[in-house]
Amino acid sequence: MNAARIVMVWVGGIALIIVALLNVLAVIGRHTGLPLKGAIELVQVGVLIAGSLALIAATLARNHARVHMILDRLTGSARSFAERICTALSILFYAMLLSGSLWLAMDLWGEQEVSELLDVPWRWMRLFLNAALIVVIALLARQMVERRNP
């Protein structure tokens, strides 16, 4: 496991631990009459960071969901072709997600779009997600043109 993947796993893991602690504090606060304002907004940020990094890490490790019932039964050039088709469809899927997200980001960039309680600026969260999607697409494209089997 290279250093970048280790950093992504630690940052994403720490984000999820913080999210879990925030949720625990929010639940305790609701039951004790001291609610934690903005917990949901902070959880959204943490999940976005962890999820985006998990997508990149899964792409690096070639661990995205695949139809193993079919792929595992193929051999040789048929398997290589099926793997390339699967990767191409994954690129298409992430490209469609990216195009929709970019559309929203461009449409709302000049607006003061912030969360309700803590004024979290959503434009930076969208920028983080879009950057992660671009990295995933680039990694998948690199994997598709590589000659070795995954």
C-alpha atoms as a PDB file:
ATOM      1  CA  MET A   1       0.000   0.000   0.000  1.00  0.00           C
ATOM      2  CA  ASN A   2       1.581   3.280  -1.041  1.00  0.00           C
ATOM      3  CA  ALA A   3       1.743   6.452   1.047  1.00  0.00           C
ATOM      4  CA  ALA A   4      -1.110   8.237  -0.751  1.00  0.00           C
ATOM      5  CA  ARG A   5      -3.481   5.361  -0.107  1.00  0.00           C
ATOM      6  CA  ILE A   6      -2.450   5.196   3.548  1.00  0.00           C
ATOM      7  CA  VAL A   7      -3.097   8.925   3.955  1.00  0.00           C
ATOM      8  CA  MET A   8      -6.508   8.611   2.261  1.00  0.00           C
ATOM      9  CA  VAL A   9      -7.484   5.707   4.513  1.00  0.00           C
ATOM     10  CA  TRP A  10      -6.424   7.598   7.654  1.00  0.00           C
ATOM     11  CA  VAL A  11      -8.070  10.887   6.664  1.00  0.00           C
ATOM     12  CA  GLY A  12     -11.282   9.143   5.615  1.00  0.00           C
ATOM     13  CA  GLY A  13     -11.260   6.974   8.733  1.00  0.00           C
ATOM     14  CA  ILE A  14     -10.704   9.938  11.021  1.00  0.00           C
ATOM     15  CA  ALA A  15     -13.534  11.788   9.249  1.00  0.00           C
ATOM     16  CA  LEU A  16     -15.864   8.839   9.900  1.00  0.00           C
ATOM     17  CA  ILE A  17     -14.825   8.625  13.553  1.00  0.00           C
ATOM     18  CA  ILE A  18     -15.507  12.347  13.975  1.00  0.00           C
ATOM     19  CA  VAL A  19     -18.881  11.901  12.260  1.00  0.00           C
ATOM     20  CA  ALA A  20     -19.753   9.049  14.620  1.00  0.00           C
ATOM     21  CA  LEU A  21     -18.734  11.107  17.658  1.00  0.00           C
ATOM     22  CA  LEU A  22     -20.772  14.063  16.424  1.00  0.00           C
ATOM     23  CA  ASN A  23     -23.802  11.821  16.060  1.00  0.00           C
ATOM     24  CA  VAL A  24     -23.310  10.408  19.559  1.00  0.00           C
ATOM     25  CA  LEU A  25     -23.022  13.916  20.994  1.00  0.00           C
ATOM     26  CA  ALA A  26     -26.086  15.042  19.039  1.00  0.00           C
ATOM     27  CA  VAL A  27     -28.201  12.151  20.340  1.00  0.00           C
ATOM     28  CA  ILE A  28     -27.022  12.673  23.915  1.00  0.00           C
ATOM     29  CA  GLY A  29     -27.673  16.393  23.546  1.00  0.00           C
ATOM     30  CA  ARG A  30     -31.221  15.834  22.312  1.00  0.00           C
ATOM     31  CA  HIS A  31     -31.987  13.601  25.283  1.00  0.00           C
ATOM     32  CA  THR A  32     -30.398  15.900  27.849  1.00  0.00           C
ATOM     33  CA  GLY A  33     -31.923  19.092  26.506  1.00  0.00           C
ATOM     34  CA  LEU A  34     -28.590  20.423  25.151  1.00  0.00           C
ATOM     35  CA  PRO A  35     -28.839  19.772  21.410  1.00  0.00           C
ATOM     36  CA  LEU A  36     -25.739  20.039  19.245  1.00  0.00           C
ATOM     37  CA  LYS A  37     -26.727  22.593  16.627  1.00  0.00           C
ATOM     38  CA  GLY A  38     -25.475  21.918  13.104  1.00  0.00           C
ATOM     39  CA  ALA A  39     -24.473  18.298  13.706  1.00  0.00           C
ATOM     40  CA  ILE A  40     -26.172  17.149  10.504  1.00  0.00           C
ATOM     41  CA  GLU A  41     -24.287  19.734   8.458  1.00  0.00           C
ATOM     42  CA  LEU A  42     -20.950  18.616   9.889  1.00  0.00           C
ATOM     43  CA  VAL A  43     -21.863  14.970   9.327  1.00  0.00           C
ATOM     44  CA  GLN A  44     -22.558  15.761   5.677  1.00  0.00           C
ATOM     45  CA  VAL A  45     -19.092  17.287   5.307  1.00  0.00           C
ATOM     46  CA  GLY A  46     -17.408  14.317   6.988  1.00  0.00           C
ATOM     47  CA  VAL A  47     -19.286  11.755   4.911  1.00  0.00           C
ATOM     48  CA  LEU A  48     -18.491  13.657   1.715  1.00  0.00           C
ATOM     49  CA  ILE A  49     -14.779  13.668   2.548  1.00  0.00           C
ATOM     50  CA  ALA A  50     -14.705  10.003   3.589  1.00  0.00           C
ATOM     51  CA  GLY A  51     -16.824   8.871   0.642  1.00  0.00           C
ATOM     52  CA  SER A  52     -14.793  10.791  -1.924  1.00  0.00           C
ATOM     53  CA  LEU A  53     -11.525   9.423  -0.583  1.00  0.00           C
ATOM     54  CA  ALA A  54     -13.009   5.912  -0.472  1.00  0.00           C
ATOM     55  CA  LEU A  55     -13.912   6.168  -4.175  1.00  0.00           C
ATOM     56  CA  ILE A  56     -10.342   7.125  -5.028  1.00  0.00           C
ATOM     57  CA  ALA A  57      -8.873   4.382  -2.813  1.00  0.00           C
ATOM     58  CA  ALA A  58     -11.207   1.751  -4.300  1.00  0.00           C
ATOM     59  CA  THR A  59     -10.234   2.851  -7.793  1.00  0.00           C
ATOM     60  CA  LEU A  60      -6.529   2.658  -6.983  1.00  0.00           C
ATOM     61  CA  ALA A  61      -6.999  -0.840  -5.553  1.00  0.00           C
ATOM     62  CA  ARG A  62      -9.301  -1.871  -8.435  1.00  0.00           C
ATOM     63  CA  ASN A  63     -11.953  -2.843  -5.911  1.00  0.00           C
ATOM     64  CA  HIS A  64     -15.064  -1.308  -7.427  1.00  0.00           C
ATOM     65  CA  ALA A  65     -18.176  -3.446  -7.560  1.00  0.00           C
ATOM     66  CA  ARG A  66     -18.210  -5.802 -10.516  1.00  0.00           C
ATOM     67  CA  VAL A  67     -20.340  -8.681 -11.677  1.00  0.00           C
ATOM     68  CA  HIS A  68     -18.013 -11.447 -10.540  1.00  0.00           C
ATOM     69  CA  MET A  69     -20.472 -14.194 -11.481  1.00  0.00           C
ATOM     70  CA  ILE A  70     -19.736 -13.377 -15.105  1.00  0.00           C
ATOM     71  CA  LEU A  71     -16.204 -11.964 -15.023  1.00  0.00           C
ATOM     72  CA  ASP A  72     -14.766 -14.826 -12.969  1.00  0.00           C
ATOM     73  CA  ARG A  73     -15.957 -17.368 -15.521  1.00  0.00           C
ATOM     74  CA  LEU A  74     -14.255 -15.634 -18.441  1.00  0.00           C
ATOM     75  CA  THR A  75     -10.647 -16.248 -19.438  1.00  0.00           C
ATOM     76  CA  GLY A  76      -8.079 -14.758 -21.765  1.00  0.00           C
ATOM     77  CA  SER A  77      -9.133 -12.154 -24.281  1.00  0.00           C
ATOM     78  CA  ALA A  78     -12.833 -12.471 -23.406  1.00  0.00           C
ATOM     79  CA  ARG A  79     -12.105 -11.536 -19.809  1.00  0.00           C
ATOM     80  CA  SER A  80      -9.835  -8.682 -20.862  1.00  0.00           C
ATOM     81  CA  PHE A  81     -12.528  -7.353 -23.197  1.00  0.00           C
ATOM     82  CA  ALA A  82     -15.215  -7.647 -20.494  1.00  0.00           C
ATOM     83  CA  GLU A  83     -12.949  -5.865 -17.993  1.00  0.00           C
ATOM     84  CA  ARG A  84     -12.415  -3.016 -20.458  1.00  0.00           C
ATOM     85  CA  ILE A  85     -16.162  -2.725 -21.096  1.00  0.00           C
ATOM     86  CA  CYS A  86     -16.804  -2.701 -17.351  1.00  0.00           C
ATOM     87  CA  THR A  87     -14.191   0.014 -16.867  1.00  0.00           C
ATOM     88  CA  ALA A  88     -15.598   2.039 -19.784  1.00  0.00           C
ATOM     89  CA  LEU A  89     -19.082   1.861 -18.263  1.00  0.00           C
ATOM     90  CA  SER A  90     -17.657   2.948 -14.908  1.00  0.00           C
ATOM     91  CA  ILE A  91     -15.986   5.918 -16.605  1.00  0.00           C
ATOM     92  CA  LEU A  92     -19.312   6.802 -18.244  1.00  0.00           C
ATOM     93  CA  PHE A  93     -21.116   6.570 -14.904  1.00  0.00           C
ATOM     94  CA  TYR A  94     -18.612   8.803 -13.087  1.00  0.00           C
ATOM     95  CA  ALA A  95     -18.492  11.220 -16.029  1.00  0.00           C
ATOM     96  CA  MET A  96     -22.280  11.597 -15.836  1.00  0.00           C
ATOM     97  CA  LEU A  97     -22.058  12.218 -12.072  1.00  0.00           C
ATOM     98  CA  LEU A  98     -19.304  14.761 -12.680  1.00  0.00           C
ATOM     99  CA  SER A  99     -21.229  16.559 -15.421  1.00  0.00           C
ATOM    100  CA  GLY A 100     -24.296  16.926 -13.204  1.00  0.00           C
ATOM    101  CA  SER A 101     -22.211  18.070 -10.272  1.00  0.00           C
ATOM    102  CA  LEU A 102     -20.274  20.545 -12.420  1.00  0.00           C
ATOM    103  CA  TRP A 103     -23.535  21.895 -13.799  1.00  0.00           C
ATOM    104  CA  LEU A 104     -24.817  22.532 -10.275  1.00  0.00           C
ATOM    105  CA  ALA A 105     -21.480  24.001  -9.193  1.00  0.00           C
ATOM    106  CA  MET A 106     -21.350  26.424 -12.130  1.00  0.00           C
ATOM    107  CA  ASP A 107     -24.994  27.368 -11.714  1.00  0.00           C
ATOM    108  CA  LEU A 108     -24.635  28.088  -7.984  1.00  0.00           C
ATOM    109  CA  TRP A 109     -21.003  29.292  -7.757  1.00  0.00           C
ATOM    110  CA  GLY A 110     -21.875  32.992  -7.524  1.00  0.00           C
ATOM    111  CA  GLU A 111     -24.635  32.416  -4.999  1.00  0.00           C
ATOM    112  CA  GLN A 112     -24.243  32.469  -1.246  1.00  0.00           C
ATOM    113  CA  GLU A 113     -25.140  28.812  -0.886  1.00  0.00           C
ATOM    114  CA  VAL A 114     -24.321  27.875   2.692  1.00  0.00           C
ATOM    115  CA  SER A 115     -25.757  25.512   5.259  1.00  0.00           C
ATOM    116  CA  GLU A 116     -28.550  26.818   7.443  1.00  0.00           C
ATOM    117  CA  LEU A 117     -26.996  26.753  10.907  1.00  0.00           C
ATOM    118  CA  LEU A 118     -23.220  26.829  10.567  1.00  0.00           C
ATOM    119  CA  ASP A 119     -22.876  28.588   7.207  1.00  0.00           C
ATOM    120  CA  VAL A 120     -20.787  25.762   5.722  1.00  0.00           C
ATOM    121  CA  PRO A 121     -20.003  26.924   2.152  1.00  0.00           C
ATOM    122  CA  TRP A 122     -21.246  24.107  -0.077  1.00  0.00           C
ATOM    123  CA  ARG A 123     -19.269  25.328  -3.094  1.00  0.00           C
ATOM    124  CA  TRP A 124     -16.032  24.026  -1.532  1.00  0.00           C
ATOM    125  CA  MET A 125     -17.625  20.682  -0.796  1.00  0.00           C
ATOM    126  CA  ARG A 126     -18.773  20.441  -4.418  1.00  0.00           C
ATOM    127  CA  LEU A 127     -15.279  21.397  -5.551  1.00  0.00           C
ATOM    128  CA  PHE A 128     -13.812  18.603  -3.392  1.00  0.00           C
ATOM    129  CA  LEU A 129     -16.279  16.072  -4.805  1.00  0.00           C
ATOM    130  CA  ASN A 130     -15.677  17.191  -8.393  1.00  0.00           C
ATOM    131  CA  ALA A 131     -11.912  16.919  -7.920  1.00  0.00           C
ATOM    132  CA  ALA A 132     -12.356  13.405  -6.515  1.00  0.00           C
ATOM    133  CA  LEU A 133     -14.549  12.406  -9.470  1.00  0.00           C
ATOM    134  CA  ILE A 134     -11.954  13.756 -11.915  1.00  0.00           C
ATOM    135  CA  VAL A 135      -9.259  11.702 -10.165  1.00  0.00           C
ATOM    136  CA  VAL A 136     -11.443   8.575 -10.291  1.00  0.00           C
ATOM    137  CA  ILE A 137     -12.139   9.055 -14.010  1.00  0.00           C
ATOM    138  CA  ALA A 138      -8.433   9.614 -14.727  1.00  0.00           C
ATOM    139  CA  LEU A 139      -7.444   6.503 -12.762  1.00  0.00           C
ATOM    140  CA  LEU A 140     -10.066   4.395 -14.527  1.00  0.00           C
ATOM    141  CA  ALA A 141      -8.957   5.705 -17.921  1.00  0.00           C
ATOM    142  CA  ARG A 142      -5.353   4.831 -17.077  1.00  0.00           C
ATOM    143  CA  GLN A 143      -6.429   1.345 -15.989  1.00  0.00           C
ATOM    144  CA  MET A 144      -8.397   0.832 -19.186  1.00  0.00           C
ATOM    145  CA  VAL A 145      -5.437   1.541 -21.446  1.00  0.00           C
ATOM    146  CA  GLU A 146      -2.981  -0.515 -19.413  1.00  0.00           C
ATOM    147  CA  ARG A 147      -2.077  -3.813 -21.008  1.00  0.00           C
ATOM    148  CA  ARG A 148      -1.906  -5.894 -17.845  1.00  0.00           C
ATOM    149  CA  ASN A 149      -4.960  -7.582 -16.389  1.00  0.00           C
ATOM    150  CA  PRO A 150      -6.431  -6.076 -13.213  1.00  0.00           C
END
